[in-house]
Amino acid sequence: MTRYFHGYFGGDTKKLGDIRLKDLVTRFGFGAGVSLVAGVIGLLAGARAGGMFLAFPAILPATLTIIEKEDGRHQALEDERGSSYGTVGLTVFAVSSALTIVAWALAATLVVAFAAWAVSSFACYLAVETLRRRRRRGRGRQQDP
């Protein structure tokens, strides 16, 4: 069974047994906390406002904390950067869906929203990586006499 999942998802199901209870509690705690805050916002400002906060990736803070402990700050920052690209993409997905769902067929809406998500996420990645490389090259030139 491990071989089946590994071929499709790139993971090893044997590692599931290595997850510490403390890490699970931390992740679920963050998720519950974010959900609670979203519920309170929903009660105070309405369901639409509360729903916006449910889109917050609740597990991200806990996951980044664990990654930083186990793999170091650099890896946690890389994971955070990738999640930021995805967040931009999901926002574009939501906006494009909201703008087209009433006027278009559901299948067309989903295809366009998916394409908008993919293009915007990849564009964020390219823009940030281009800026990072230019900055690194600029630092290298300043150090050369």
Protein backbone atom coordinates (compact mmCIF):
# COMPACT_ATOMS: atom_id res chain seq x y z
CA MET A 1 0.00 0.00 0.00
CA THR A 2 2.89 2.35 0.76
CA ARG A 3 4.21 1.89 -2.76
CA TYR A 4 0.78 2.80 -4.23
CA PHE A 5 0.56 6.12 -2.37
CA HIS A 6 4.21 6.93 -2.90
CA GLY A 7 3.79 6.72 -6.67
CA TYR A 8 0.90 9.18 -6.73
CA PHE A 9 1.54 11.55 -3.86
CA GLY A 10 5.28 11.44 -3.31
CA GLY A 11 4.92 10.52 0.33
CA ASP A 12 5.60 7.57 2.55
CA THR A 13 2.64 6.37 4.61
CA LYS A 14 5.04 4.71 7.07
CA LYS A 15 6.03 8.18 8.26
CA LEU A 16 2.50 8.82 9.53
CA GLY A 17 3.45 6.84 12.61
CA ASP A 18 6.29 9.29 13.29
CA ILE A 19 3.96 12.26 13.83
CA ARG A 20 4.14 13.43 17.43
CA LEU A 21 0.95 14.05 19.38
CA LYS A 22 2.30 17.47 20.39
CA ASP A 23 2.58 18.49 16.71
CA LEU A 24 -0.98 17.36 16.00
CA VAL A 25 -2.31 19.25 19.01
CA THR A 26 -0.43 22.38 17.89
CA ARG A 27 -1.88 22.18 14.38
CA PHE A 28 -5.42 21.51 15.53
CA GLY A 29 -5.09 24.23 18.17
CA PHE A 30 -4.15 26.84 15.58
CA GLY A 31 -6.96 25.66 13.32
CA ALA A 32 -9.51 25.82 16.12
CA GLY A 33 -8.26 29.26 17.15
CA VAL A 34 -8.59 30.67 13.65
CA SER A 35 -12.05 29.13 13.29
CA LEU A 36 -13.10 30.64 16.61
CA VAL A 37 -11.90 34.08 15.57
CA ALA A 38 -13.74 33.72 12.24
CA GLY A 39 -16.92 32.74 14.13
CA VAL A 40 -16.70 35.76 16.41
CA ILE A 41 -16.11 38.04 13.43
CA GLY A 42 -19.11 36.41 11.75
CA LEU A 43 -21.29 37.11 14.78
CA LEU A 44 -20.13 40.71 15.05
CA ALA A 45 -19.85 41.72 11.40
CA GLY A 46 -21.98 39.19 9.52
CA ALA A 47 -21.51 35.86 7.82
CA ARG A 48 -19.75 37.30 4.79
CA ALA A 49 -17.01 38.90 6.90
CA GLY A 50 -16.62 35.77 9.02
CA GLY A 51 -16.41 33.59 5.92
CA MET A 52 -13.54 35.67 4.60
CA PHE A 53 -11.51 34.78 7.67
CA LEU A 54 -12.27 31.08 7.28
CA ALA A 55 -10.19 31.25 4.11
CA PHE A 56 -7.12 31.91 6.29
CA PRO A 57 -4.84 28.91 6.08
CA ALA A 58 -5.34 27.97 9.72
CA ILE A 59 -2.80 25.21 9.77
CA LEU A 60 -0.01 27.33 8.27
CA PRO A 61 1.24 29.01 11.48
CA ALA A 62 1.48 25.68 13.27
CA THR A 63 3.11 23.97 10.32
CA LEU A 64 5.70 26.72 9.92
CA THR A 65 6.49 26.53 13.63
CA ILE A 66 7.12 22.80 13.37
CA ILE A 67 9.14 23.13 10.16
CA GLU A 68 11.32 25.80 11.76
CA LYS A 69 12.02 23.56 14.75
CA GLU A 70 12.82 20.50 12.66
CA ASP A 71 14.33 21.87 9.45
CA GLY A 72 15.45 25.38 10.32
CA ARG A 73 14.34 28.93 9.68
CA HIS A 74 15.36 28.98 6.02
CA GLN A 75 13.08 26.06 5.14
CA ALA A 76 10.19 27.59 7.08
CA LEU A 77 10.64 30.86 5.16
CA GLU A 78 10.67 28.97 1.85
CA ASP A 79 7.42 27.22 2.78
CA GLU A 80 5.87 30.52 3.84
CA ARG A 81 6.87 32.10 0.55
CA GLY A 82 5.21 29.29 -1.40
CA SER A 83 2.04 29.56 0.65
CA SER A 84 1.94 33.28 -0.11
CA TYR A 85 1.94 32.57 -3.84
CA GLY A 86 -0.87 30.09 -3.33
CA THR A 87 -2.85 32.57 -1.24
CA VAL A 88 -2.69 35.14 -4.02
CA GLY A 89 -3.82 32.45 -6.44
CA LEU A 90 -6.74 31.41 -4.23
CA THR A 91 -7.82 35.04 -3.92
CA VAL A 92 -7.79 35.39 -7.71
CA PHE A 93 -9.70 32.08 -7.94
CA ALA A 94 -12.37 33.40 -5.55
CA VAL A 95 -12.72 36.73 -7.32
CA SER A 96 -12.90 35.19 -10.80
CA SER A 97 -15.46 32.65 -9.55
CA ALA A 98 -17.58 35.35 -7.94
CA LEU A 99 -17.54 37.43 -11.12
CA THR A 100 -18.46 34.61 -13.49
CA ILE A 101 -20.58 32.09 -11.59
CA VAL A 102 -23.89 33.85 -12.19
CA ALA A 103 -23.41 34.49 -15.89
CA TRP A 104 -21.49 31.38 -17.01
CA ALA A 105 -21.94 27.64 -16.80
CA LEU A 106 -20.35 26.07 -13.72
CA ALA A 107 -17.80 24.13 -15.75
CA ALA A 108 -16.65 27.27 -17.57
CA THR A 109 -16.44 29.18 -14.30
CA LEU A 110 -14.28 26.48 -12.71
CA VAL A 111 -11.97 26.19 -15.71
CA VAL A 112 -11.44 29.95 -15.83
CA ALA A 113 -11.00 30.18 -12.04
CA PHE A 114 -8.48 27.32 -12.09
CA ALA A 115 -6.55 28.94 -14.93
CA ALA A 116 -6.60 32.28 -13.09
CA TRP A 117 -5.29 30.57 -9.94
CA ALA A 118 -2.49 28.79 -11.79
CA VAL A 119 -1.39 31.83 -13.80
CA SER A 120 -1.48 34.24 -10.85
CA SER A 121 0.37 31.86 -8.51
CA PHE A 122 3.05 31.16 -11.10
CA ALA A 123 3.32 34.86 -11.96
CA CYS A 124 3.91 35.67 -8.28
CA TYR A 125 6.60 33.01 -8.12
CA LEU A 126 8.32 34.33 -11.25
CA ALA A 127 8.14 37.95 -10.11
CA VAL A 128 9.57 37.25 -6.67
CA GLU A 129 12.30 34.93 -7.95
CA THR A 130 13.31 37.46 -10.61
CA LEU A 131 13.58 40.18 -7.97
CA ARG A 132 15.56 37.91 -5.64
CA ARG A 133 18.04 37.01 -8.40
CA ARG A 134 18.50 40.63 -9.42
CA ARG A 135 19.11 41.59 -5.81
CA ARG A 136 21.70 38.80 -5.43
CA ARG A 137 23.46 39.87 -8.63
CA GLY A 138 23.47 43.49 -7.47
CA ARG A 139 25.09 42.49 -4.18
CA GLY A 140 27.75 40.51 -6.03
CA ARG A 141 28.69 43.50 -8.18
CA GLN A 142 28.95 45.81 -5.18
CA GLN A 143 31.41 43.46 -3.52
CA ASP A 144 33.69 43.20 -6.58
CA PRO A 145 36.38 45.95 -6.72
